[in-house]
Amino acid sequence: MRIDSHQHFWHYNAVKHSWIDDNMKMIRRDFLPEDLQPVLLQNKIDGCVAVQADQTENETNFLLQLANENAFVKGIVGWVDLCAANIKDRLEYYAQYKVIKGFRHVLQGEVPAFMLQPSFLNGIAQLQQFNFTYDILVFPHQLKAVLELVKCFPHQRFVIDHIAKPYIKAGLIDEWKTAVQQIAVHENVYCKISGMVTEADYSSWQKEDFIPYINVVVSLFGTKRIMFGSDWPVCLVAASYKNMYNIVGDYFASFSQNEQQLFFGKNAMDFYKL
C-alpha cells in the first residue's frame, strides 16, 4: 500500500490560519477529502495520514470525523495540550479511537526551550502507554533541543516532519546536517521527506536543489526510517502534487523495489500502525 504520510484538511478561517500569509494566498480556501482523493488516485497513492493544522482539540475531532467518513484517510495526527495537568485523561479518551495514531504541537512557533519544560516532557512521557506517536515540527535552530528531547524518551516513536525545514532557498546545509546526524543515531526517530518545496524558492526551484538534503536524510536514517509525505495542500504554493511527487519519485527510481515500497508506504504503515 502506498501512503502519503503527511497532509492537511481545513475549513479556511483567516484568524485560525493566519500563518497563511500573502505569499501563500492561493491556499486561502477550504481543502477537504473530496479535494484530495482524486489527486491521490491520479498519483497512485492508496491512503494518507491527516495531520493537525490548528492547535485545539476541535481540530482533532474534525480530523476524526473526516477519517470516519473517508476510508482512504488511514490515520490522523491530532492535537492535544501536552502541557495540561490532565493530559493522561485526555490521551486515555482519545485512545478509544483507533484511527488516531499520534499527536503534534507546532513547535516551530515556540522557543526551543518549550519542548524541554517539565510539563511538556510529562505529556510526551504519557504517549507510549497509549501507543501514540509524536510528530516533531521544527526549524533547524531548534534541533539541539530536539536532540535533548529524544534522548529523554528512547522508546517513544518520533518522526521529524519536513526534514526539519532546512534553509534550501539559501543553500545552507552544514549546521542542519550536523544536528540531524546527531538525532538520527536514535533509532526510534524517523524522518518524513516532505515539505521541501516550501523551503525553496517558490517560483524557481529545481529538482537538483533538493538532492543534497535528501542524500543527507537517506544516508543518516537509511531506507527503513524515512517516509513519503506531500504536505498537501501547503505544497501547492510552490508545486503541484505531481511535481512535488516527481522530486522523490525520480530520486528513488534507482533504488530497489523493496526500498521504494518502504519509502512510499510500508515505513509509514509500520510507524503509525495503519
C-alpha atoms as a PDB file:
ATOM      1  CA  MET A   1       0.000   0.000   0.000  1.00  0.00           C
ATOM      2  CA  ARG A   2       1.277   3.471  -0.945  1.00  0.00           C
ATOM      3  CA  ILE A   3       0.775   6.101   1.738  1.00  0.00           C
ATOM      4  CA  ASP A   4       1.075   9.866   1.833  1.00  0.00           C
ATOM      5  CA  SER A   5       2.234  10.246   5.440  1.00  0.00           C
ATOM      6  CA  HIS A   6       1.591  13.974   5.756  1.00  0.00           C
ATOM      7  CA  GLN A   7      -1.241  16.172   4.541  1.00  0.00           C
ATOM      8  CA  HIS A   8      -3.824  18.561   5.958  1.00  0.00           C
ATOM      9  CA  PHE A   9      -7.519  19.387   5.752  1.00  0.00           C
ATOM     10  CA  TRP A  10      -9.200  22.605   6.799  1.00  0.00           C
ATOM     11  CA  HIS A  11     -12.158  24.908   6.516  1.00  0.00           C
ATOM     12  CA  TYR A  12     -10.243  28.106   5.886  1.00  0.00           C
ATOM     13  CA  ASN A  13     -10.526  30.731   8.600  1.00  0.00           C
ATOM     14  CA  ALA A  14      -8.471  33.930   8.339  1.00  0.00           C
ATOM     15  CA  VAL A  15      -7.811  34.075  12.082  1.00  0.00           C
ATOM     16  CA  LYS A  16      -7.228  30.383  12.704  1.00  0.00           C
ATOM     17  CA  HIS A  17      -4.993  30.083   9.643  1.00  0.00           C
ATOM     18  CA  SER A  18      -3.199  33.414   9.963  1.00  0.00           C
ATOM     19  CA  TRP A  19       0.083  31.619   9.168  1.00  0.00           C
ATOM     20  CA  ILE A  20      -1.073  31.530   5.536  1.00  0.00           C
ATOM     21  CA  ASP A  21       0.488  34.840   4.527  1.00  0.00           C
ATOM     22  CA  ASP A  22       0.094  36.826   1.297  1.00  0.00           C
ATOM     23  CA  ASN A  23       2.789  34.749  -0.418  1.00  0.00           C
ATOM     24  CA  MET A  24       0.609  31.690   0.212  1.00  0.00           C
ATOM     25  CA  LYS A  25      -2.766  33.273  -0.559  1.00  0.00           C
ATOM     26  CA  MET A  26      -3.602  30.640  -3.173  1.00  0.00           C
ATOM     27  CA  ILE A  27      -4.354  28.198  -0.344  1.00  0.00           C
ATOM     28  CA  ARG A  28      -6.715  30.562   1.455  1.00  0.00           C
ATOM     29  CA  ARG A  29      -9.692  28.297   0.850  1.00  0.00           C
ATOM     30  CA  ASP A  30     -11.175  25.055   2.079  1.00  0.00           C
ATOM     31  CA  PHE A  31      -9.282  21.807   1.469  1.00  0.00           C
ATOM     32  CA  LEU A  32     -11.254  18.652   2.231  1.00  0.00           C
ATOM     33  CA  PRO A  33     -11.155  14.920   1.444  1.00  0.00           C
ATOM     34  CA  GLU A  34     -13.149  15.371  -1.748  1.00  0.00           C
ATOM     35  CA  ASP A  35     -10.377  17.667  -2.998  1.00  0.00           C
ATOM     36  CA  LEU A  36      -7.560  15.277  -2.124  1.00  0.00           C
ATOM     37  CA  GLN A  37      -8.966  11.881  -3.093  1.00  0.00           C
ATOM     38  CA  PRO A  38      -8.817  12.380  -6.894  1.00  0.00           C
ATOM     39  CA  VAL A  39      -5.261  13.728  -6.563  1.00  0.00           C
ATOM     40  CA  LEU A  40      -4.193  10.631  -4.663  1.00  0.00           C
ATOM     41  CA  LEU A  41      -5.809   8.401  -7.265  1.00  0.00           C
ATOM     42  CA  GLN A  42      -4.025  10.233 -10.080  1.00  0.00           C
ATOM     43  CA  ASN A  43      -0.708   9.651  -8.336  1.00  0.00           C
ATOM     44  CA  LYS A  44      -1.490   6.022  -7.393  1.00  0.00           C
ATOM     45  CA  ILE A  45      -1.484   6.726  -3.655  1.00  0.00           C
ATOM     46  CA  ASP A  46      -3.790   4.415  -1.688  1.00  0.00           C
ATOM     47  CA  GLY A  47      -4.211   6.351   1.525  1.00  0.00           C
ATOM     48  CA  CYS A  48      -2.992   9.175   3.702  1.00  0.00           C
ATOM     49  CA  VAL A  49      -2.304  10.405   7.216  1.00  0.00           C
ATOM     50  CA  ALA A  50      -4.066  13.682   8.071  1.00  0.00           C
ATOM     51  CA  VAL A  51      -2.026  15.939  10.347  1.00  0.00           C
ATOM     52  CA  GLN A  52      -3.294  18.770  12.543  1.00  0.00           C
ATOM     53  CA  ALA A  53      -3.008  22.348  11.338  1.00  0.00           C
ATOM     54  CA  ASP A  54      -4.737  24.040  14.280  1.00  0.00           C
ATOM     55  CA  GLN A  55      -3.909  23.752  17.973  1.00  0.00           C
ATOM     56  CA  THR A  56      -7.235  22.808  19.511  1.00  0.00           C
ATOM     57  CA  GLU A  57      -8.970  19.576  20.387  1.00  0.00           C
ATOM     58  CA  ASN A  58     -11.692  20.710  17.983  1.00  0.00           C
ATOM     59  CA  GLU A  59      -9.103  20.129  15.253  1.00  0.00           C
ATOM     60  CA  THR A  60      -8.555  16.576  16.449  1.00  0.00           C
ATOM     61  CA  ASN A  61     -12.303  15.960  16.483  1.00  0.00           C
ATOM     62  CA  PHE A  62     -12.639  17.484  12.992  1.00  0.00           C
ATOM     63  CA  LEU A  63      -9.988  15.161  11.599  1.00  0.00           C
ATOM     64  CA  LEU A  64     -11.547  12.236  13.425  1.00  0.00           C
ATOM     65  CA  GLN A  65     -14.887  12.913  11.748  1.00  0.00           C
ATOM     66  CA  LEU A  66     -13.266  13.172   8.300  1.00  0.00           C
ATOM     67  CA  ALA A  67     -11.393   9.909   8.824  1.00  0.00           C
ATOM     68  CA  ASN A  68     -14.572   8.151   9.880  1.00  0.00           C
ATOM     69  CA  GLU A  69     -16.277   9.364   6.698  1.00  0.00           C
ATOM     70  CA  ASN A  70     -13.407   8.676   4.276  1.00  0.00           C
ATOM     71  CA  ALA A  71     -11.737   5.253   4.289  1.00  0.00           C
ATOM     72  CA  PHE A  72      -8.664   6.494   2.417  1.00  0.00           C
ATOM     73  CA  VAL A  73      -7.724   8.587   5.472  1.00  0.00           C
ATOM     74  CA  LYS A  74      -5.897   5.767   7.221  1.00  0.00           C
ATOM     75  CA  GLY A  75      -4.800   7.655  10.312  1.00  0.00           C
ATOM     76  CA  ILE A  76      -4.714  11.072  11.910  1.00  0.00           C
ATOM     77  CA  VAL A  77      -2.143  13.027  13.920  1.00  0.00           C
ATOM     78  CA  GLY A  78      -4.158  15.288  16.163  1.00  0.00           C
ATOM     79  CA  TRP A  79      -3.514  17.956  18.756  1.00  0.00           C
ATOM     80  CA  VAL A  80      -3.898  17.756  22.499  1.00  0.00           C
ATOM     81  CA  ASP A  81      -2.461  20.035  25.163  1.00  0.00           C
ATOM     82  CA  LEU A  82       0.575  18.015  26.165  1.00  0.00           C
ATOM     83  CA  CYS A  83       1.316  20.516  28.921  1.00  0.00           C
ATOM     84  CA  ALA A  84      -2.061  20.055  30.596  1.00  0.00           C
ATOM     85  CA  ALA A  85      -2.276  18.626  34.092  1.00  0.00           C
ATOM     86  CA  ASN A  86      -4.969  16.202  32.900  1.00  0.00           C
ATOM     87  CA  ILE A  87      -3.032  15.025  29.848  1.00  0.00           C
ATOM     88  CA  LYS A  88      -3.253  11.347  30.799  1.00  0.00           C
ATOM     89  CA  ASP A  89      -7.046  11.558  30.950  1.00  0.00           C
ATOM     90  CA  ARG A  90      -7.182  13.255  27.532  1.00  0.00           C
ATOM     91  CA  LEU A  91      -4.935  10.624  25.971  1.00  0.00           C
ATOM     92  CA  GLU A  92      -6.999   7.868  27.555  1.00  0.00           C
ATOM     93  CA  TYR A  93     -10.094   9.436  25.996  1.00  0.00           C
ATOM     94  CA  TYR A  94      -8.548   9.621  22.524  1.00  0.00           C
ATOM     95  CA  ALA A  95      -7.130   6.093  22.788  1.00  0.00           C
ATOM     96  CA  GLN A  96     -10.624   4.718  22.159  1.00  0.00           C
ATOM     97  CA  TYR A  97     -10.400   5.990  18.560  1.00  0.00           C
ATOM     98  CA  LYS A  98      -8.079   3.638  16.724  1.00  0.00           C
ATOM     99  CA  VAL A  99      -7.672   5.966  13.747  1.00  0.00           C
ATOM    100  CA  ILE A 100      -5.894   8.500  15.991  1.00  0.00           C
ATOM    101  CA  LYS A 101      -2.266   7.466  15.683  1.00  0.00           C
ATOM    102  CA  GLY A 102      -0.430  10.286  17.404  1.00  0.00           C
ATOM    103  CA  PHE A 103      -0.183  13.974  18.158  1.00  0.00           C
ATOM    104  CA  ARG A 104       1.721  17.092  17.153  1.00  0.00           C
ATOM    105  CA  HIS A 105       2.312  20.560  18.535  1.00  0.00           C
ATOM    106  CA  VAL A 106       3.563  23.308  16.218  1.00  0.00           C
ATOM    107  CA  LEU A 107       6.935  23.542  17.929  1.00  0.00           C
ATOM    108  CA  GLN A 108       8.324  25.678  15.107  1.00  0.00           C
ATOM    109  CA  GLY A 109       6.292  28.528  16.600  1.00  0.00           C
ATOM    110  CA  GLU A 110       7.781  28.112  20.078  1.00  0.00           C
ATOM    111  CA  VAL A 111      11.162  28.902  21.610  1.00  0.00           C
ATOM    112  CA  PRO A 112      13.430  25.812  21.715  1.00  0.00           C
ATOM    113  CA  ALA A 113      13.104  25.574  25.499  1.00  0.00           C
ATOM    114  CA  PHE A 114       9.354  24.956  25.183  1.00  0.00           C
ATOM    115  CA  MET A 115       9.867  21.290  24.349  1.00  0.00           C
ATOM    116  CA  LEU A 116      12.152  20.763  27.351  1.00  0.00           C
ATOM    117  CA  GLN A 117       9.893  22.258  30.027  1.00  0.00           C
ATOM    118  CA  PRO A 118       8.686  19.757  32.648  1.00  0.00           C
ATOM    119  CA  SER A 119       5.010  19.956  31.691  1.00  0.00           C
ATOM    120  CA  PHE A 120       5.710  19.200  28.012  1.00  0.00           C
ATOM    121  CA  LEU A 121       8.092  16.377  28.898  1.00  0.00           C
ATOM    122  CA  ASN A 122       5.405  14.936  31.160  1.00  0.00           C
ATOM    123  CA  GLY A 123       2.999  14.970  28.221  1.00  0.00           C
ATOM    124  CA  ILE A 124       5.444  13.194  25.927  1.00  0.00           C
ATOM    125  CA  ALA A 125       6.100  10.665  28.691  1.00  0.00           C
ATOM    126  CA  GLN A 126       2.418   9.678  28.651  1.00  0.00           C
ATOM    127  CA  LEU A 127       2.239   8.871  24.929  1.00  0.00           C
ATOM    128  CA  GLN A 128       3.914   5.477  24.850  1.00  0.00           C
ATOM    129  CA  GLN A 129       1.484   3.709  27.168  1.00  0.00           C
ATOM    130  CA  PHE A 130      -1.297   4.536  24.698  1.00  0.00           C
ATOM    131  CA  ASN A 131       0.856   3.607  21.687  1.00  0.00           C
ATOM    132  CA  PHE A 132       0.731   7.173  20.323  1.00  0.00           C
ATOM    133  CA  THR A 133       3.429   8.632  18.061  1.00  0.00           C
ATOM    134  CA  TYR A 134       4.759  12.182  18.113  1.00  0.00           C
ATOM    135  CA  ASP A 135       5.434  14.350  15.045  1.00  0.00           C
ATOM    136  CA  ILE A 136       8.256  16.867  15.518  1.00  0.00           C
ATOM    137  CA  LEU A 137       7.734  20.099  13.553  1.00  0.00           C
ATOM    138  CA  VAL A 138      10.730  22.408  13.949  1.00  0.00           C
ATOM    139  CA  PHE A 139      13.182  24.692  12.223  1.00  0.00           C
ATOM    140  CA  PRO A 140      16.928  23.890  12.154  1.00  0.00           C
ATOM    141  CA  HIS A 141      17.772  26.245  15.037  1.00  0.00           C
ATOM    142  CA  GLN A 142      15.550  24.106  17.302  1.00  0.00           C
ATOM    143  CA  LEU A 143      17.293  20.798  16.559  1.00  0.00           C
ATOM    144  CA  LYS A 144      19.613  20.953  19.563  1.00  0.00           C
ATOM    145  CA  ALA A 145      16.550  20.955  21.793  1.00  0.00           C
ATOM    146  CA  VAL A 146      15.045  18.125  19.719  1.00  0.00           C
ATOM    147  CA  LEU A 147      18.156  16.058  20.399  1.00  0.00           C
ATOM    148  CA  GLU A 148      17.728  16.559  24.138  1.00  0.00           C
ATOM    149  CA  LEU A 149      14.037  15.683  23.835  1.00  0.00           C
ATOM    150  CA  VAL A 150      14.550  12.394  22.017  1.00  0.00           C
ATOM    151  CA  LYS A 151      17.367  11.422  24.374  1.00  0.00           C
ATOM    152  CA  CYS A 152      14.827  11.506  27.206  1.00  0.00           C
ATOM    153  CA  PHE A 153      12.491   9.003  25.535  1.00  0.00           C
ATOM    154  CA  PRO A 154      14.404   6.171  23.815  1.00  0.00           C
ATOM    155  CA  HIS A 155      11.271   4.047  23.391  1.00  0.00           C
ATOM    156  CA  GLN A 156       8.881   6.738  22.114  1.00  0.00           C
ATOM    157  CA  ARG A 157       8.222   6.734  18.360  1.00  0.00           C
ATOM    158  CA  PHE A 158       9.136  10.156  16.939  1.00  0.00           C
ATOM    159  CA  VAL A 159       9.122  11.405  13.360  1.00  0.00           C
ATOM    160  CA  ILE A 160      10.684  14.641  12.137  1.00  0.00           C
ATOM    161  CA  ASP A 161       8.369  16.482   9.770  1.00  0.00           C
ATOM    162  CA  HIS A 162       9.642  18.074   6.561  1.00  0.00           C
ATOM    163  CA  ILE A 163      13.268  17.030   7.190  1.00  0.00           C
ATOM    164  CA  ALA A 164      13.333  19.791   9.847  1.00  0.00           C
ATOM    165  CA  LYS A 165      12.865  22.557   7.287  1.00  0.00           C
ATOM    166  CA  PRO A 166      16.461  23.242   6.182  1.00  0.00           C
ATOM    167  CA  TYR A 167      17.159  26.594   4.549  1.00  0.00           C
ATOM    168  CA  ILE A 168      17.048  25.258   0.996  1.00  0.00           C
ATOM    169  CA  LYS A 169      16.389  28.648  -0.601  1.00  0.00           C
ATOM    170  CA  ALA A 170      19.618  29.986   0.902  1.00  0.00           C
ATOM    171  CA  GLY A 171      21.531  26.802   0.121  1.00  0.00           C
ATOM    172  CA  LEU A 172      22.505  26.301   3.767  1.00  0.00           C
ATOM    173  CA  ILE A 173      23.143  22.711   4.802  1.00  0.00           C
ATOM    174  CA  ASP A 174      26.113  22.204   7.171  1.00  0.00           C
ATOM    175  CA  GLU A 175      24.637  23.108  10.578  1.00  0.00           C
ATOM    176  CA  TRP A 176      21.358  21.371   9.750  1.00  0.00           C
ATOM    177  CA  LYS A 177      23.247  18.267   8.624  1.00  0.00           C
ATOM    178  CA  THR A 178      25.320  18.112  11.808  1.00  0.00           C
ATOM    179  CA  ALA A 179      22.233  18.411  14.005  1.00  0.00           C
ATOM    180  CA  VAL A 180      20.231  15.840  12.054  1.00  0.00           C
ATOM    181  CA  GLN A 181      23.196  13.473  12.178  1.00  0.00           C
ATOM    182  CA  GLN A 182      23.147  13.533  15.973  1.00  0.00           C
ATOM    183  CA  ILE A 183      19.395  12.916  16.113  1.00  0.00           C
ATOM    184  CA  ALA A 184      19.396  10.103  13.543  1.00  0.00           C
ATOM    185  CA  VAL A 185      21.608   7.998  15.831  1.00  0.00           C
ATOM    186  CA  HIS A 186      18.466   7.400  17.890  1.00  0.00           C
ATOM    187  CA  GLU A 187      16.692   4.539  16.138  1.00  0.00           C
ATOM    188  CA  ASN A 188      13.244   5.437  17.474  1.00  0.00           C
ATOM    189  CA  VAL A 189      13.314   8.599  15.339  1.00  0.00           C
ATOM    190  CA  TYR A 190      12.033   8.565  11.753  1.00  0.00           C
ATOM    191  CA  CYS A 191      12.029  11.342   9.154  1.00  0.00           C
ATOM    192  CA  LYS A 192       9.450  12.486   6.625  1.00  0.00           C
ATOM    193  CA  ILE A 193      10.854  13.576   3.288  1.00  0.00           C
ATOM    194  CA  SER A 194       8.161  16.165   2.825  1.00  0.00           C
ATOM    195  CA  GLY A 195       7.578  19.891   2.753  1.00  0.00           C
ATOM    196  CA  MET A 196      10.787  20.683   0.890  1.00  0.00           C
ATOM    197  CA  VAL A 197       9.333  22.797  -1.914  1.00  0.00           C
ATOM    198  CA  THR A 198       8.080  25.433   0.510  1.00  0.00           C
ATOM    199  CA  GLU A 199      11.585  25.827   1.955  1.00  0.00           C
ATOM    200  CA  ALA A 200      12.951  26.541  -1.530  1.00  0.00           C
ATOM    201  CA  ASP A 201      12.255  29.425  -3.878  1.00  0.00           C
ATOM    202  CA  TYR A 202       8.549  29.019  -4.641  1.00  0.00           C
ATOM    203  CA  SER A 203       8.826  30.030  -8.278  1.00  0.00           C
ATOM    204  CA  SER A 204      12.286  28.987  -9.440  1.00  0.00           C
ATOM    205  CA  TRP A 205      13.277  25.784  -7.600  1.00  0.00           C
ATOM    206  CA  GLN A 206      14.873  22.931  -9.494  1.00  0.00           C
ATOM    207  CA  LYS A 207      14.877  19.236  -8.585  1.00  0.00           C
ATOM    208  CA  GLU A 208      18.625  19.449  -8.123  1.00  0.00           C
ATOM    209  CA  ASP A 209      18.124  21.882  -5.226  1.00  0.00           C
ATOM    210  CA  PHE A 210      16.780  19.089  -3.048  1.00  0.00           C
ATOM    211  CA  ILE A 211      19.212  16.267  -3.820  1.00  0.00           C
ATOM    212  CA  PRO A 212      21.898  17.255  -1.250  1.00  0.00           C
ATOM    213  CA  TYR A 213      19.285  17.358   1.504  1.00  0.00           C
ATOM    214  CA  ILE A 214      17.657  14.071   0.520  1.00  0.00           C
ATOM    215  CA  ASN A 215      21.112  12.500   0.327  1.00  0.00           C
ATOM    216  CA  VAL A 216      21.760  13.517   3.936  1.00  0.00           C
ATOM    217  CA  VAL A 217      18.453  12.132   5.213  1.00  0.00           C
ATOM    218  CA  VAL A 218      18.735   8.825   3.343  1.00  0.00           C
ATOM    219  CA  SER A 219      22.351   8.305   4.397  1.00  0.00           C
ATOM    220  CA  LEU A 220      21.573   9.010   8.058  1.00  0.00           C
ATOM    221  CA  PHE A 221      18.183   7.354   8.539  1.00  0.00           C
ATOM    222  CA  GLY A 222      18.529   4.592   5.952  1.00  0.00           C
ATOM    223  CA  THR A 223      15.609   3.336   3.882  1.00  0.00           C
ATOM    224  CA  LYS A 224      13.712   1.858   6.861  1.00  0.00           C
ATOM    225  CA  ARG A 225      13.169   5.111   8.789  1.00  0.00           C
ATOM    226  CA  ILE A 226      12.070   7.529   6.069  1.00  0.00           C
ATOM    227  CA  MET A 227       8.631   8.093   4.593  1.00  0.00           C
ATOM    228  CA  PHE A 228       6.958   9.994   1.798  1.00  0.00           C
ATOM    229  CA  GLY A 229       4.768  12.975   2.624  1.00  0.00           C
ATOM    230  CA  SER A 230       3.267  15.586   0.336  1.00  0.00           C
ATOM    231  CA  ASP A 231       2.372  18.359   2.814  1.00  0.00           C
ATOM    232  CA  TRP A 232      -0.681  18.946   0.609  1.00  0.00           C
ATOM    233  CA  PRO A 233      -2.221  21.497   0.309  1.00  0.00           C
ATOM    234  CA  VAL A 234       0.626  23.642   1.682  1.00  0.00           C
ATOM    235  CA  CYS A 235       2.895  22.318  -1.080  1.00  0.00           C
ATOM    236  CA  LEU A 236       0.613  23.900  -3.691  1.00  0.00           C
ATOM    237  CA  VAL A 237       2.111  27.335  -3.099  1.00  0.00           C
ATOM    238  CA  ALA A 238       5.292  26.058  -4.735  1.00  0.00           C
ATOM    239  CA  ALA A 239       4.408  22.920  -6.709  1.00  0.00           C
ATOM    240  CA  SER A 240       1.575  20.752  -7.910  1.00  0.00           C
ATOM    241  CA  TYR A 241       1.171  17.429  -6.119  1.00  0.00           C
ATOM    242  CA  LYS A 242       2.549  15.688  -9.206  1.00  0.00           C
ATOM    243  CA  ASN A 243       5.608  17.920  -9.470  1.00  0.00           C
ATOM    244  CA  MET A 244       6.319  17.535  -5.782  1.00  0.00           C
ATOM    245  CA  TYR A 245       5.886  13.763  -6.031  1.00  0.00           C
ATOM    246  CA  ASN A 246       8.241  13.600  -9.022  1.00  0.00           C
ATOM    247  CA  ILE A 247      11.089  15.058  -6.948  1.00  0.00           C
ATOM    248  CA  VAL A 248      11.176  11.981  -4.729  1.00  0.00           C
ATOM    249  CA  GLY A 249       9.875   9.615  -7.399  1.00  0.00           C
ATOM    250  CA  ASP A 250      12.839  10.383  -9.632  1.00  0.00           C
ATOM    251  CA  TYR A 251      15.274  10.307  -6.706  1.00  0.00           C
ATOM    252  CA  PHE A 252      14.224   6.838  -5.575  1.00  0.00           C
ATOM    253  CA  ALA A 253      13.774   5.397  -9.071  1.00  0.00           C
ATOM    254  CA  SER A 254      17.216   3.788  -8.911  1.00  0.00           C
ATOM    255  CA  PHE A 255      16.521   2.153  -5.523  1.00  0.00           C
ATOM    256  CA  SER A 256      15.368  -1.448  -5.253  1.00  0.00           C
ATOM    257  CA  GLN A 257      11.665  -2.245  -5.431  1.00  0.00           C
ATOM    258  CA  ASN A 258      11.704  -3.176  -1.757  1.00  0.00           C
ATOM    259  CA  GLU A 259      13.356   0.117  -0.774  1.00  0.00           C
ATOM    260  CA  GLN A 260      10.791   2.050  -2.798  1.00  0.00           C
ATOM    261  CA  GLN A 261       7.970   0.144  -1.111  1.00  0.00           C
ATOM    262  CA  LEU A 262       9.427   1.005   2.283  1.00  0.00           C
ATOM    263  CA  PHE A 263       9.656   4.709   1.494  1.00  0.00           C
ATOM    264  CA  PHE A 264       6.325   5.086  -0.287  1.00  0.00           C
ATOM    265  CA  GLY A 265       4.221   3.166   2.200  1.00  0.00           C
ATOM    266  CA  LYS A 266       5.498   0.381   4.395  1.00  0.00           C
ATOM    267  CA  ASN A 267       7.510   2.587   6.759  1.00  0.00           C
ATOM    268  CA  ALA A 268       4.526   4.868   7.339  1.00  0.00           C
ATOM    269  CA  MET A 269       2.285   1.852   7.907  1.00  0.00           C
ATOM    270  CA  ASP A 270       4.719   0.407  10.445  1.00  0.00           C
ATOM    271  CA  PHE A 271       5.373   3.716  12.219  1.00  0.00           C
ATOM    272  CA  TYR A 272       1.723   4.736  12.531  1.00  0.00           C
ATOM    273  CA  LYS A 273       0.374   1.185  12.851  1.00  0.00           C
ATOM    274  CA  LEU A 274      -2.002   1.746   9.926  1.00  0.00           C
END
